[in-house]
PDB file of N, CA and C in Angstrom:
ATOM      1  N   MET A   1     147.239   7.087  98.597  1.00  0.00           N
ATOM      2  CA  MET A   1     147.179   8.491  98.266  1.00  0.00           C
ATOM      3  C   MET A   1     147.205   9.296  99.560  1.00  0.00           C
ATOM      4  N   THR A   2     147.968  10.340  99.614  1.00  0.00           N
ATOM      5  CA  THR A   2     148.057  11.197 100.773  1.00  0.00           C
ATOM      6  C   THR A   2     146.934  12.220 100.728  1.00  0.00           C
ATOM      7  N   SER A   3     146.299  12.469 101.876  1.00  0.00           N
ATOM      8  CA  SER A   3     145.211  13.439 101.908  1.00  0.00           C
ATOM      9  C   SER A   3     145.575  14.615 102.782  1.00  0.00           C
ATOM     10  N   ALA A   4     145.134  15.792 102.365  1.00  0.00           N
ATOM     11  CA  ALA A   4     145.372  16.995 103.151  1.00  0.00           C
ATOM     12  C   ALA A   4     144.499  16.973 104.389  1.00  0.00           C
ATOM     13  N   SER A   5     143.318  16.369 104.306  1.00  0.00           N
ATOM     14  CA  SER A   5     142.414  16.230 105.432  1.00  0.00           C
ATOM     15  C   SER A   5     141.644  14.939 105.233  1.00  0.00           C
ATOM     16  N   SER A   6     140.873  14.548 106.248  1.00  0.00           N
ATOM     17  CA  SER A   6     140.107  13.323 106.104  1.00  0.00           C
ATOM     18  C   SER A   6     138.647  13.655 105.855  1.00  0.00           C
ATOM     19  N   GLY A   7     137.886  12.673 105.438  1.00  0.00           N
ATOM     20  CA  GLY A   7     136.479  12.891 105.173  1.00  0.00           C
ATOM     21  C   GLY A   7     136.176  12.782 103.698  1.00  0.00           C
ATOM     22  N   PRO A   8     134.871  12.823 103.349  1.00  0.00           N
ATOM     23  CA  PRO A   8     134.479  12.626 101.954  1.00  0.00           C
ATOM     24  C   PRO A   8     134.943  13.723 101.011  1.00  0.00           C
ATOM     25  N   GLU A   9     135.202  14.918 101.503  1.00  0.00           N
ATOM     26  CA  GLU A   9     135.630  16.029 100.657  1.00  0.00           C
ATOM     27  C   GLU A   9     137.146  16.198 100.619  1.00  0.00           C
ATOM     28  N   ALA A  10     137.882  15.240 101.199  1.00  0.00           N
ATOM     29  CA  ALA A  10     139.338  15.350 101.262  1.00  0.00           C
ATOM     30  C   ALA A  10     139.926  15.376  99.858  1.00  0.00           C
ATOM     31  N   LYS A  11     140.856  16.268  99.652  1.00  0.00           N
ATOM     32  CA  LYS A  11     141.545  16.367  98.370  1.00  0.00           C
ATOM     33  C   LYS A  11     142.929  15.751  98.515  1.00  0.00           C
ATOM     34  N   PRO A  12     143.337  14.958  97.537  1.00  0.00           N
ATOM     35  CA  PRO A  12     144.669  14.342  97.626  1.00  0.00           C
ATOM     36  C   PRO A  12     145.768  15.401  97.573  1.00  0.00           C
ATOM     37  N   THR A  13     146.820  15.140  98.291  1.00  0.00           N
ATOM     38  CA  THR A  13     147.982  16.027  98.305  1.00  0.00           C
ATOM     39  C   THR A  13     149.086  15.371  97.492  1.00  0.00           C
ATOM     40  N   PRO A  14     149.600  16.049  96.481  1.00  0.00           N
ATOM     41  CA  PRO A  14     150.649  15.420  95.670  1.00  0.00           C
ATOM     42  C   PRO A  14     151.953  15.275  96.437  1.00  0.00           C
ATOM     43  N   LYS A  15     152.659  14.187  96.130  1.00  0.00           N
ATOM     44  CA  LYS A  15     154.008  14.030  96.659  1.00  0.00           C
ATOM     45  C   LYS A  15     154.878  15.106  96.027  1.00  0.00           C
ATOM     46  N   GLY A  16     155.984  15.411  96.670  1.00  0.00           N
ATOM     47  CA  GLY A  16     156.920  16.385  96.131  1.00  0.00           C
ATOM     48  C   GLY A  16     158.205  15.709  95.698  1.00  0.00           C
ATOM     49  N   TYR A  17     158.625  16.007  94.487  1.00  0.00           N
ATOM     50  CA  TYR A  17     159.877  15.471  93.959  1.00  0.00           C
ATOM     51  C   TYR A  17     160.802  16.632  93.649  1.00  0.00           C
ATOM     52  N   VAL A  18     162.017  16.562  94.178  1.00  0.00           N
ATOM     53  CA  VAL A  18     163.029  17.563  93.867  1.00  0.00           C
ATOM     54  C   VAL A  18     164.021  16.877  92.932  1.00  0.00           C
ATOM     55  N   VAL A  19     164.212  17.503  91.775  1.00  0.00           N
ATOM     56  CA  VAL A  19     165.059  16.929  90.732  1.00  0.00           C
ATOM     57  C   VAL A  19     166.282  17.817  90.542  1.00  0.00           C
ATOM     58  N   PHE A  20     167.444  17.209  90.665  1.00  0.00           N
ATOM     59  CA  PHE A  20     168.718  17.904  90.482  1.00  0.00           C
ATOM     60  C   PHE A  20     169.337  17.424  89.177  1.00  0.00           C
ATOM     61  N   ASP A  21     169.694  18.358  88.328  1.00  0.00           N
ATOM     62  CA  ASP A  21     170.390  18.082  87.066  1.00  0.00           C
ATOM     63  C   ASP A  21     171.757  18.745  87.221  1.00  0.00           C
ATOM     64  N   LEU A  22     172.796  17.940  87.474  1.00  0.00           N
ATOM     65  CA  LEU A  22     174.070  18.502  87.921  1.00  0.00           C
ATOM     66  C   LEU A  22     175.256  18.084  87.073  1.00  0.00           C
ATOM     67  N   GLU A  23     176.240  18.954  87.061  1.00  0.00           N
ATOM     68  CA  GLU A  23     177.567  18.632  86.555  1.00  0.00           C
ATOM     69  C   GLU A  23     178.532  18.894  87.705  1.00  0.00           C
ATOM     70  N   ILE A  24     179.226  17.852  88.151  1.00  0.00           N
ATOM     71  CA  ILE A  24     180.128  17.940  89.305  1.00  0.00           C
ATOM     72  C   ILE A  24     181.499  18.418  88.830  1.00  0.00           C
ATOM     73  N   HIS A  25     182.024  19.465  89.482  1.00  0.00           N
ATOM     74  CA  HIS A  25     183.354  19.992  89.147  1.00  0.00           C
ATOM     75  C   HIS A  25     184.403  19.610  90.188  1.00  0.00           C
ATOM     76  N   ASP A  26     183.965  19.391  91.429  1.00  0.00           N
ATOM     77  CA  ASP A  26     184.878  19.074  92.523  1.00  0.00           C
ATOM     78  C   ASP A  26     184.292  17.880  93.294  1.00  0.00           C
ATOM     79  N   PRO A  27     184.653  16.650  92.902  1.00  0.00           N
ATOM     80  CA  PRO A  27     184.050  15.454  93.505  1.00  0.00           C
ATOM     81  C   PRO A  27     184.217  15.347  95.023  1.00  0.00           C
ATOM     82  N   GLU A  28     185.369  15.748  95.542  1.00  0.00           N
ATOM     83  CA  GLU A  28     185.576  15.657  96.996  1.00  0.00           C
ATOM     84  C   GLU A  28     184.629  16.585  97.752  1.00  0.00           C
ATOM     85  N   ARG A  29     184.504  17.805  97.275  1.00  0.00           N
ATOM     86  CA  ARG A  29     183.606  18.762  97.914  1.00  0.00           C
ATOM     87  C   ARG A  29     182.140  18.325  97.745  1.00  0.00           C
ATOM     88  N   TYR A  30     181.818  17.764  96.583  1.00  0.00           N
ATOM     89  CA  TYR A  30     180.462  17.289  96.345  1.00  0.00           C
ATOM     90  C   TYR A  30     180.120  16.152  97.299  1.00  0.00           C
ATOM     91  N   GLU A  31     181.073  15.290  97.595  1.00  0.00           N
ATOM     92  CA  GLU A  31     180.841  14.185  98.534  1.00  0.00           C
ATOM     93  C   GLU A  31     180.447  14.715  99.912  1.00  0.00           C
ATOM     94  N   ALA A  32     181.080  15.795 100.362  1.00  0.00           N
ATOM     95  CA  ALA A  32     180.700  16.412 101.642  1.00  0.00           C
ATOM     96  C   ALA A  32     179.264  16.931 101.573  1.00  0.00           C
ATOM     97  N   TYR A  33     178.887  17.530 100.451  1.00  0.00           N
ATOM     98  CA  TYR A  33     177.505  17.988 100.268  1.00  0.00           C
ATOM     99  C   TYR A  33     176.552  16.809 100.303  1.00  0.00           C
ATOM    100  N   ARG A  34     176.885  15.743  99.575  1.00  0.00           N
ATOM    101  CA  ARG A  34     175.996  14.595  99.468  1.00  0.00           C
ATOM    102  C   ARG A  34     175.660  14.017 100.839  1.00  0.00           C
ATOM    103  N   LEU A  35     176.659  13.874 101.688  1.00  0.00           N
ATOM    104  CA  LEU A  35     176.422  13.332 103.033  1.00  0.00           C
ATOM    105  C   LEU A  35     175.517  14.257 103.847  1.00  0.00           C
ATOM    106  N   ASP A  36     175.799  15.549 103.830  1.00  0.00           N
ATOM    107  CA  ASP A  36     174.963  16.507 104.568  1.00  0.00           C
ATOM    108  C   ASP A  36     173.571  16.604 103.961  1.00  0.00           C
ATOM    109  N   GLY A  37     173.499  16.609 102.641  1.00  0.00           N
ATOM    110  CA  GLY A  37     172.210  16.703 101.966  1.00  0.00           C
ATOM    111  C   GLY A  37     171.332  15.502 102.264  1.00  0.00           C
ATOM    112  N   GLN A  38     171.896  14.299 102.220  1.00  0.00           N
ATOM    113  CA  GLN A  38     171.108  13.099 102.506  1.00  0.00           C
ATOM    114  C   GLN A  38     170.624  13.071 103.944  1.00  0.00           C
ATOM    115  N   ALA A  39     171.448  13.529 104.874  1.00  0.00           N
ATOM    116  CA  ALA A  39     171.006  13.578 106.274  1.00  0.00           C
ATOM    117  C   ALA A  39     169.819  14.532 106.420  1.00  0.00           C
ATOM    118  N   SER A  40     169.860  15.665 105.728  1.00  0.00           N
ATOM    119  CA  SER A  40     168.749  16.618 105.823  1.00  0.00           C
ATOM    120  C   SER A  40     167.492  16.059 105.156  1.00  0.00           C
ATOM    121  N   ILE A  41     167.652  15.317 104.082  1.00  0.00           N
ATOM    122  CA  ILE A  41     166.511  14.695 103.401  1.00  0.00           C
ATOM    123  C   ILE A  41     165.790  13.745 104.356  1.00  0.00           C
ATOM    124  N   ARG A  42     166.550  12.910 105.049  1.00  0.00           N
ATOM    125  CA  ARG A  42     165.942  11.960 105.990  1.00  0.00           C
ATOM    126  C   ARG A  42     165.184  12.681 107.107  1.00  0.00           C
ATOM    127  N   ARG A  43     165.712  13.812 107.572  1.00  0.00           N
ATOM    128  CA  ARG A  43     165.039  14.565 108.642  1.00  0.00           C
ATOM    129  C   ARG A  43     163.664  15.071 108.222  1.00  0.00           C
ATOM    130  N   PHE A  44     163.464  15.262 106.919  1.00  0.00           N
ATOM    131  CA  PHE A  44     162.185  15.753 106.409  1.00  0.00           C
ATOM    132  C   PHE A  44     161.325  14.618 105.835  1.00  0.00           C
ATOM    133  N   GLY A  45     161.704  13.382 106.096  1.00  0.00           N
ATOM    134  CA  GLY A  45     160.908  12.243 105.646  1.00  0.00           C
ATOM    135  C   GLY A  45     161.063  11.916 104.173  1.00  0.00           C
ATOM    136  N   GLY A  46     162.139  12.392 103.559  1.00  0.00           N
ATOM    137  CA  GLY A  46     162.355  12.142 102.138  1.00  0.00           C
ATOM    138  C   GLY A  46     163.252  10.955 101.890  1.00  0.00           C
ATOM    139  N   ARG A  47     163.342  10.589 100.623  1.00  0.00           N
ATOM    140  CA  ARG A  47     164.252   9.515 100.233  1.00  0.00           C
ATOM    141  C   ARG A  47     164.758   9.773  98.826  1.00  0.00           C
ATOM    142  N   VAL A  48     165.992   9.367  98.597  1.00  0.00           N
ATOM    143  CA  VAL A  48     166.618   9.531  97.284  1.00  0.00           C
ATOM    144  C   VAL A  48     166.179   8.354  96.418  1.00  0.00           C
ATOM    145  N   LEU A  49     165.557   8.666  95.282  1.00  0.00           N
ATOM    146  CA  LEU A  49     165.088   7.626  94.372  1.00  0.00           C
ATOM    147  C   LEU A  49     166.092   7.321  93.275  1.00  0.00           C
ATOM    148  N   SER A  50     166.882   8.321  92.904  1.00  0.00           N
ATOM    149  CA  SER A  50     167.789   8.167  91.773  1.00  0.00           C
ATOM    150  C   SER A  50     168.999   9.059  91.991  1.00  0.00           C
ATOM    151  N   GLY A  51     170.133   8.619  91.515  1.00  0.00           N
ATOM    152  CA  GLY A  51     171.337   9.446  91.581  1.00  0.00           C
ATOM    153  C   GLY A  51     172.330   8.915  92.565  1.00  0.00           C
ATOM    154  N   GLU A  52     172.051   8.997  93.807  1.00  0.00           N
ATOM    155  CA  GLU A  52     172.908   8.470  94.860  1.00  0.00           C
ATOM    156  C   GLU A  52     172.010   7.746  95.841  1.00  0.00           C
ATOM    157  N   PRO A  53     172.329   6.604  96.291  1.00  0.00           N
ATOM    158  CA  PRO A  53     173.593   5.888  96.141  1.00  0.00           C
ATOM    159  C   PRO A  53     173.673   4.995  94.907  1.00  0.00           C
ATOM    160  N   ALA A  54     172.823   5.211  93.910  1.00  0.00           N
ATOM    161  CA  ALA A  54     172.892   4.425  92.678  1.00  0.00           C
ATOM    162  C   ALA A  54     174.251   4.622  92.017  1.00  0.00           C
ATOM    163  N   PRO A  55     174.643   3.697  91.150  1.00  0.00           N
ATOM    164  CA  PRO A  55     175.938   3.864  90.460  1.00  0.00           C
ATOM    165  C   PRO A  55     176.015   5.203  89.743  1.00  0.00           C
ATOM    166  N   ARG A  56     177.151   5.805  89.801  1.00  0.00           N
ATOM    167  CA  ARG A  56     177.334   7.129  89.190  1.00  0.00           C
ATOM    168  C   ARG A  56     177.263   7.031  87.675  1.00  0.00           C
ATOM    169  N   GLY A  57     176.673   8.040  87.077  1.00  0.00           N
ATOM    170  CA  GLY A  57     176.639   8.123  85.628  1.00  0.00           C
ATOM    171  C   GLY A  57     175.553   7.302  84.953  1.00  0.00           C
ATOM    172  N   VAL A  58     174.578   6.769  85.730  1.00  0.00           N
ATOM    173  CA  VAL A  58     173.511   5.980  85.130  1.00  0.00           C
ATOM    174  C   VAL A  58     172.391   6.923  84.704  1.00  0.00           C
ATOM    175  N   VAL A  59     172.654   7.655  83.641  1.00  0.00           N
ATOM    176  CA  VAL A  59     171.671   8.545  83.022  1.00  0.00           C
ATOM    177  C   VAL A  59     171.817   8.320  81.525  1.00  0.00           C
ATOM    178  N   GLU A  60     170.755   7.867  80.897  1.00  0.00           N
ATOM    179  CA  GLU A  60     170.801   7.532  79.481  1.00  0.00           C
ATOM    180  C   GLU A  60     169.705   8.280  78.740  1.00  0.00           C
ATOM    181  N   ALA A  61     170.095   9.092  77.780  1.00  0.00           N
ATOM    182  CA  ALA A  61     169.109   9.809  76.962  1.00  0.00           C
ATOM    183  C   ALA A  61     168.471   8.813  76.000  1.00  0.00           C
ATOM    184  N   LEU A  62     167.166   8.690  76.076  1.00  0.00           N
ATOM    185  CA  LEU A  62     166.445   7.795  75.180  1.00  0.00           C
ATOM    186  C   LEU A  62     165.936   8.522  73.944  1.00  0.00           C
ATOM    187  N   GLU A  63     165.791   9.844  74.072  1.00  0.00           N
ATOM    188  CA  GLU A  63     165.333  10.632  72.933  1.00  0.00           C
ATOM    189  C   GLU A  63     165.797  12.065  73.121  1.00  0.00           C
ATOM    190  N   GLY A  64     166.287  12.679  72.064  1.00  0.00           N
ATOM    191  CA  GLY A  64     166.706  14.076  72.119  1.00  0.00           C
ATOM    192  C   GLY A  64     168.090  14.248  72.717  1.00  0.00           C
ATOM    193  N   ASP A  65     168.560  15.496  72.689  1.00  0.00           N
ATOM    194  CA  ASP A  65     169.873  15.853  73.217  1.00  0.00           C
ATOM    195  C   ASP A  65     169.735  16.165  74.698  1.00  0.00           C
ATOM    196  N   TRP A  66     170.327  15.357  75.544  1.00  0.00           N
ATOM    197  CA  TRP A  66     170.228  15.529  76.986  1.00  0.00           C
ATOM    198  C   TRP A  66     171.609  15.291  77.571  1.00  0.00           C
ATOM    199  N   PRO A  67     172.390  16.347  77.780  1.00  0.00           N
ATOM    200  CA  PRO A  67     173.781  16.188  78.210  1.00  0.00           C
ATOM    201  C   PRO A  67     173.980  15.904  79.704  1.00  0.00           C
ATOM    202  N   THR A  68     172.915  15.676  80.436  1.00  0.00           N
ATOM    203  CA  THR A  68     173.014  15.464  81.880  1.00  0.00           C
ATOM    204  C   THR A  68     173.882  14.263  82.218  1.00  0.00           C
ATOM    205  N   LEU A  69     174.770  14.455  83.198  1.00  0.00           N
ATOM    206  CA  LEU A  69     175.612  13.375  83.682  1.00  0.00           C
ATOM    207  C   LEU A  69     175.159  12.872  85.043  1.00  0.00           C
ATOM    208  N   ARG A  70     174.588  13.748  85.864  1.00  0.00           N
ATOM    209  CA  ARG A  70     174.129  13.368  87.205  1.00  0.00           C
ATOM    210  C   ARG A  70     172.723  13.900  87.384  1.00  0.00           C
ATOM    211  N   LEU A  71     171.755  13.000  87.475  1.00  0.00           N
ATOM    212  CA  LEU A  71     170.371  13.366  87.701  1.00  0.00           C
ATOM    213  C   LEU A  71     169.948  12.714  89.010  1.00  0.00           C
ATOM    214  N   VAL A  72     169.575  13.529  89.979  1.00  0.00           N
ATOM    215  CA  VAL A  72     169.183  13.031  91.292  1.00  0.00           C
ATOM    216  C   VAL A  72     167.714  13.373  91.499  1.00  0.00           C
ATOM    217  N   ILE A  73     166.923  12.378  91.914  1.00  0.00           N
ATOM    218  CA  ILE A  73     165.503  12.587  92.188  1.00  0.00           C
ATOM    219  C   ILE A  73     165.257  12.233  93.644  1.00  0.00           C
ATOM    220  N   VAL A  74     164.664  13.182  94.381  1.00  0.00           N
ATOM    221  CA  VAL A  74     164.369  12.998  95.799  1.00  0.00           C
ATOM    222  C   VAL A  74     162.867  13.098  95.992  1.00  0.00           C
ATOM    223  N   GLU A  75     162.284  12.139  96.701  1.00  0.00           N
ATOM    224  CA  GLU A  75     160.844  12.111  96.953  1.00  0.00           C
ATOM    225  C   GLU A  75     160.548  12.534  98.389  1.00  0.00           C
ATOM    226  N   PHE A  76     159.525  13.390  98.550  1.00  0.00           N
ATOM    227  CA  PHE A  76     159.041  13.814  99.855  1.00  0.00           C
ATOM    228  C   PHE A  76     157.548  13.512  99.941  1.00  0.00           C
ATOM    229  N   PRO A  77     157.016  13.380 101.162  1.00  0.00           N
ATOM    230  CA  PRO A  77     155.597  13.048 101.319  1.00  0.00           C
ATOM    231  C   PRO A  77     154.639  14.039 100.638  1.00  0.00           C
ATOM    232  N   THR A  78     155.005  15.325 100.609  1.00  0.00           N
ATOM    233  CA  THR A  78     154.159  16.333  99.963  1.00  0.00           C
ATOM    234  C   THR A  78     155.035  17.403  99.315  1.00  0.00           C
ATOM    235  N   ILE A  79     154.419  18.183  98.434  1.00  0.00           N
ATOM    236  CA  ILE A  79     155.127  19.314  97.827  1.00  0.00           C
ATOM    237  C   ILE A  79     155.545  20.312  98.901  1.00  0.00           C
ATOM    238  N   ASP A  80     154.663  20.571  99.858  1.00  0.00           N
ATOM    239  CA  ASP A  80     154.978  21.542 100.910  1.00  0.00           C
ATOM    240  C   ASP A  80     156.187  21.104 101.735  1.00  0.00           C
ATOM    241  N   ILE A  81     156.284  19.807 102.025  1.00  0.00           N
ATOM    242  CA  ILE A  81     157.441  19.311 102.784  1.00  0.00           C
ATOM    243  C   ILE A  81     158.703  19.433 101.938  1.00  0.00           C
ATOM    244  N   ALA A  82     158.596  19.127 100.647  1.00  0.00           N
ATOM    245  CA  ALA A  82     159.761  19.262  99.758  1.00  0.00           C
ATOM    246  C   ALA A  82     160.245  20.705  99.733  1.00  0.00           C
ATOM    247  N   ARG A  83     159.318  21.629  99.618  1.00  0.00           N
ATOM    248  CA  ARG A  83     159.672  23.053  99.579  1.00  0.00           C
ATOM    249  C   ARG A  83     160.274  23.494 100.922  1.00  0.00           C
ATOM    250  N   ALA A  84     159.680  23.026 102.030  1.00  0.00           N
ATOM    251  CA  ALA A  84     160.207  23.370 103.363  1.00  0.00           C
ATOM    252  C   ALA A  84     161.616  22.825 103.540  1.00  0.00           C
ATOM    253  N   TRP A  85     161.853  21.595 103.064  1.00  0.00           N
ATOM    254  CA  TRP A  85     163.199  21.026 103.141  1.00  0.00           C
ATOM    255  C   TRP A  85     164.189  21.892 102.369  1.00  0.00           C
ATOM    256  N   PHE A  86     163.846  22.214 101.108  1.00  0.00           N
ATOM    257  CA  PHE A  86     164.770  22.976 100.274  1.00  0.00           C
ATOM    258  C   PHE A  86     165.105  24.332 100.898  1.00  0.00           C
ATOM    259  N   ASN A  87     164.136  24.969 101.500  1.00  0.00           N
ATOM    260  CA  ASN A  87     164.335  26.297 102.083  1.00  0.00           C
ATOM    261  C   ASN A  87     164.845  26.268 103.519  1.00  0.00           C
ATOM    262  N   SER A  88     164.980  25.076 104.104  1.00  0.00           N
ATOM    263  CA  SER A  88     165.416  24.979 105.503  1.00  0.00           C
ATOM    264  C   SER A  88     166.864  25.431 105.659  1.00  0.00           C
ATOM    265  N   ASP A  89     167.178  25.939 106.834  1.00  0.00           N
ATOM    266  CA  ASP A  89     168.558  26.324 107.135  1.00  0.00           C
ATOM    267  C   ASP A  89     169.500  25.125 107.013  1.00  0.00           C
ATOM    268  N   THR A  90     169.019  23.958 107.446  1.00  0.00           N
ATOM    269  CA  THR A  90     169.841  22.745 107.392  1.00  0.00           C
ATOM    270  C   THR A  90     170.236  22.417 105.960  1.00  0.00           C
ATOM    271  N   TYR A  91     169.247  22.405 105.047  1.00  0.00           N
ATOM    272  CA  TYR A  91     169.586  22.075 103.666  1.00  0.00           C
ATOM    273  C   TYR A  91     170.362  23.206 103.008  1.00  0.00           C
ATOM    274  N   GLN A  92     170.013  24.446 103.266  1.00  0.00           N
ATOM    275  CA  GLN A  92     170.720  25.554 102.616  1.00  0.00           C
ATOM    276  C   GLN A  92     172.197  25.574 102.991  1.00  0.00           C
ATOM    277  N   ALA A  93     172.531  25.129 104.202  1.00  0.00           N
ATOM    278  CA  ALA A  93     173.947  25.016 104.573  1.00  0.00           C
ATOM    279  C   ALA A  93     174.629  23.968 103.690  1.00  0.00           C
ATOM    280  N   ALA A  94     173.940  22.855 103.457  1.00  0.00           N
ATOM    281  CA  ALA A  94     174.485  21.826 102.566  1.00  0.00           C
ATOM    282  C   ALA A  94     174.516  22.323 101.122  1.00  0.00           C
ATOM    283  N   ALA A  95     173.484  23.048 100.710  1.00  0.00           N
ATOM    284  CA  ALA A  95     173.384  23.521  99.323  1.00  0.00           C
ATOM    285  C   ALA A  95     174.565  24.402  98.938  1.00  0.00           C
ATOM    286  N   ARG A  96     175.080  25.150  99.888  1.00  0.00           N
ATOM    287  CA  ARG A  96     176.244  25.984  99.578  1.00  0.00           C
ATOM    288  C   ARG A  96     177.430  25.117  99.147  1.00  0.00           C
ATOM    289  N   LYS A  97     177.554  23.923  99.734  1.00  0.00           N
ATOM    290  CA  LYS A  97     178.616  22.988  99.320  1.00  0.00           C
ATOM    291  C   LYS A  97     178.342  22.474  97.909  1.00  0.00           C
ATOM    292  N   ARG A  98     177.068  22.193  97.608  1.00  0.00           N
ATOM    293  CA  ARG A  98     176.722  21.746  96.252  1.00  0.00           C
ATOM    294  C   ARG A  98     177.021  22.828  95.239  1.00  0.00           C
ATOM    295  N   GLN A  99     176.648  24.042  95.550  1.00  0.00           N
ATOM    296  CA  GLN A  99     176.865  25.154  94.622  1.00  0.00           C
ATOM    297  C   GLN A  99     178.344  25.426  94.405  1.00  0.00           C
ATOM    298  N   ALA A 100     179.168  25.148  95.407  1.00  0.00           N
ATOM    299  CA  ALA A 100     180.612  25.356  95.281  1.00  0.00           C
ATOM    300  C   ALA A 100     181.298  24.219  94.511  1.00  0.00           C
ATOM    301  N   SER A 101     180.614  23.072  94.394  1.00  0.00           N
ATOM    302  CA  SER A 101     181.252  21.911  93.778  1.00  0.00           C
ATOM    303  C   SER A 101     180.605  21.467  92.470  1.00  0.00           C
ATOM    304  N   SER A 102     179.495  22.133  92.093  1.00  0.00           N
ATOM    305  CA  SER A 102     178.794  21.711  90.879  1.00  0.00           C
ATOM    306  C   SER A 102     178.010  22.880  90.291  1.00  0.00           C
ATOM    307  N   THR A 103     177.541  22.678  89.082  1.00  0.00           N
ATOM    308  CA  THR A 103     176.611  23.612  88.462  1.00  0.00           C
ATOM    309  C   THR A 103     175.414  22.794  87.984  1.00  0.00           C
ATOM    310  N   GLY A 104     174.288  23.448  87.829  1.00  0.00           N
ATOM    311  CA  GLY A 104     173.122  22.723  87.339  1.00  0.00           C
ATOM    312  C   GLY A 104     171.831  23.431  87.667  1.00  0.00           C
ATOM    313  N   ARG A 105     170.773  22.642  87.614  1.00  0.00           N
ATOM    314  CA  ARG A 105     169.422  23.149  87.849  1.00  0.00           C
ATOM    315  C   ARG A 105     168.725  22.276  88.888  1.00  0.00           C
ATOM    316  N   VAL A 106     167.746  22.868  89.600  1.00  0.00           N
ATOM    317  CA  VAL A 106     166.964  22.138  90.589  1.00  0.00           C
ATOM    318  C   VAL A 106     165.494  22.465  90.346  1.00  0.00           C
ATOM    319  N   LEU A 107     164.669  21.428  90.265  1.00  0.00           N
ATOM    320  CA  LEU A 107     163.233  21.597  90.014  1.00  0.00           C
ATOM    321  C   LEU A 107     162.419  20.969  91.133  1.00  0.00           C
ATOM    322  N   LEU A 108     161.228  21.518  91.393  1.00  0.00           N
ATOM    323  CA  LEU A 108     160.242  20.912  92.273  1.00  0.00           C
ATOM    324  C   LEU A 108     159.103  20.433  91.382  1.00  0.00           C
ATOM    325  N   VAL A 109     158.747  19.149  91.506  1.00  0.00           N
ATOM    326  CA  VAL A 109     157.715  18.532  90.680  1.00  0.00           C
ATOM    327  C   VAL A 109     156.720  17.841  91.595  1.00  0.00           C
ATOM    328  N   GLY A 110     155.431  17.990  91.310  1.00  0.00           N
ATOM    329  CA  GLY A 110     154.397  17.297  92.060  1.00  0.00           C
ATOM    330  C   GLY A 110     154.036  15.990  91.373  1.00  0.00           C
ATOM    331  N   GLY A 111     153.720  14.978  92.166  1.00  0.00           N
ATOM    332  CA  GLY A 111     153.336  13.684  91.607  1.00  0.00           C
ATOM    333  C   GLY A 111     152.226  13.054  92.424  1.00  0.00           C
ATOM    334  N   TRP A 112     151.485  12.166  91.803  1.00  0.00           N
ATOM    335  CA  TRP A 112     150.343  11.521  92.442  1.00  0.00           C
ATOM    336  C   TRP A 112     150.594  10.042  92.609  1.00  0.00           C
ATOM    337  N   GLU A 113     149.896   9.439  93.559  1.00  0.00           N
ATOM    338  CA  GLU A 113     149.996   8.001  93.798  1.00  0.00           C
ATOM    339  C   GLU A 113     148.844   7.262  93.122  1.00  0.00           C
ATOM    340  N   LYS A 114     148.251   7.816  92.109  1.00  0.00           N
ATOM    341  CA  LYS A 114     147.142   7.124  91.456  1.00  0.00           C
ATOM    342  C   LYS A 114     147.583   6.601  90.098  1.00  0.00           C
ATOM    343  N   PRO A 115     147.002   5.488  89.670  1.00  0.00           N
ATOM    344  CA  PRO A 115     147.376   4.965  88.357  1.00  0.00           C
ATOM    345  C   PRO A 115     146.799   5.827  87.241  1.00  0.00           C
ATOM    346  N   TRP A 116     147.387   5.746  86.095  1.00  0.00           N
ATOM    347  CA  TRP A 116     146.908   6.509  84.937  1.00  0.00           C
ATOM    348  C   TRP A 116     145.654   5.911  84.404  1.00  0.00           C
TER     349      TRP A 116
END
């Protein structure tokens, strides 16, 4: 579990997950975004958990209507780092390529390293 500070009163800091729900319209342009986006993710200590480099199109609706074709999940050490990455000049330069080559939604989700 990640802690914001040390000591007996330390409160755990949730990991940050950025979730992309995308429909790609221009695969070549999206590939340029993907390379730049992944490089920026690594600079902020993040890692891609789902979407790329996993096989394309591995999204299966188990319940309900879910038309998503590309779902990418990126993990960062904390929510604050995830937010800083998304708002960074480096990522925003890459994001313009994503926005030009796809449509979709992006979410920030907090998660814990503790069992249920």
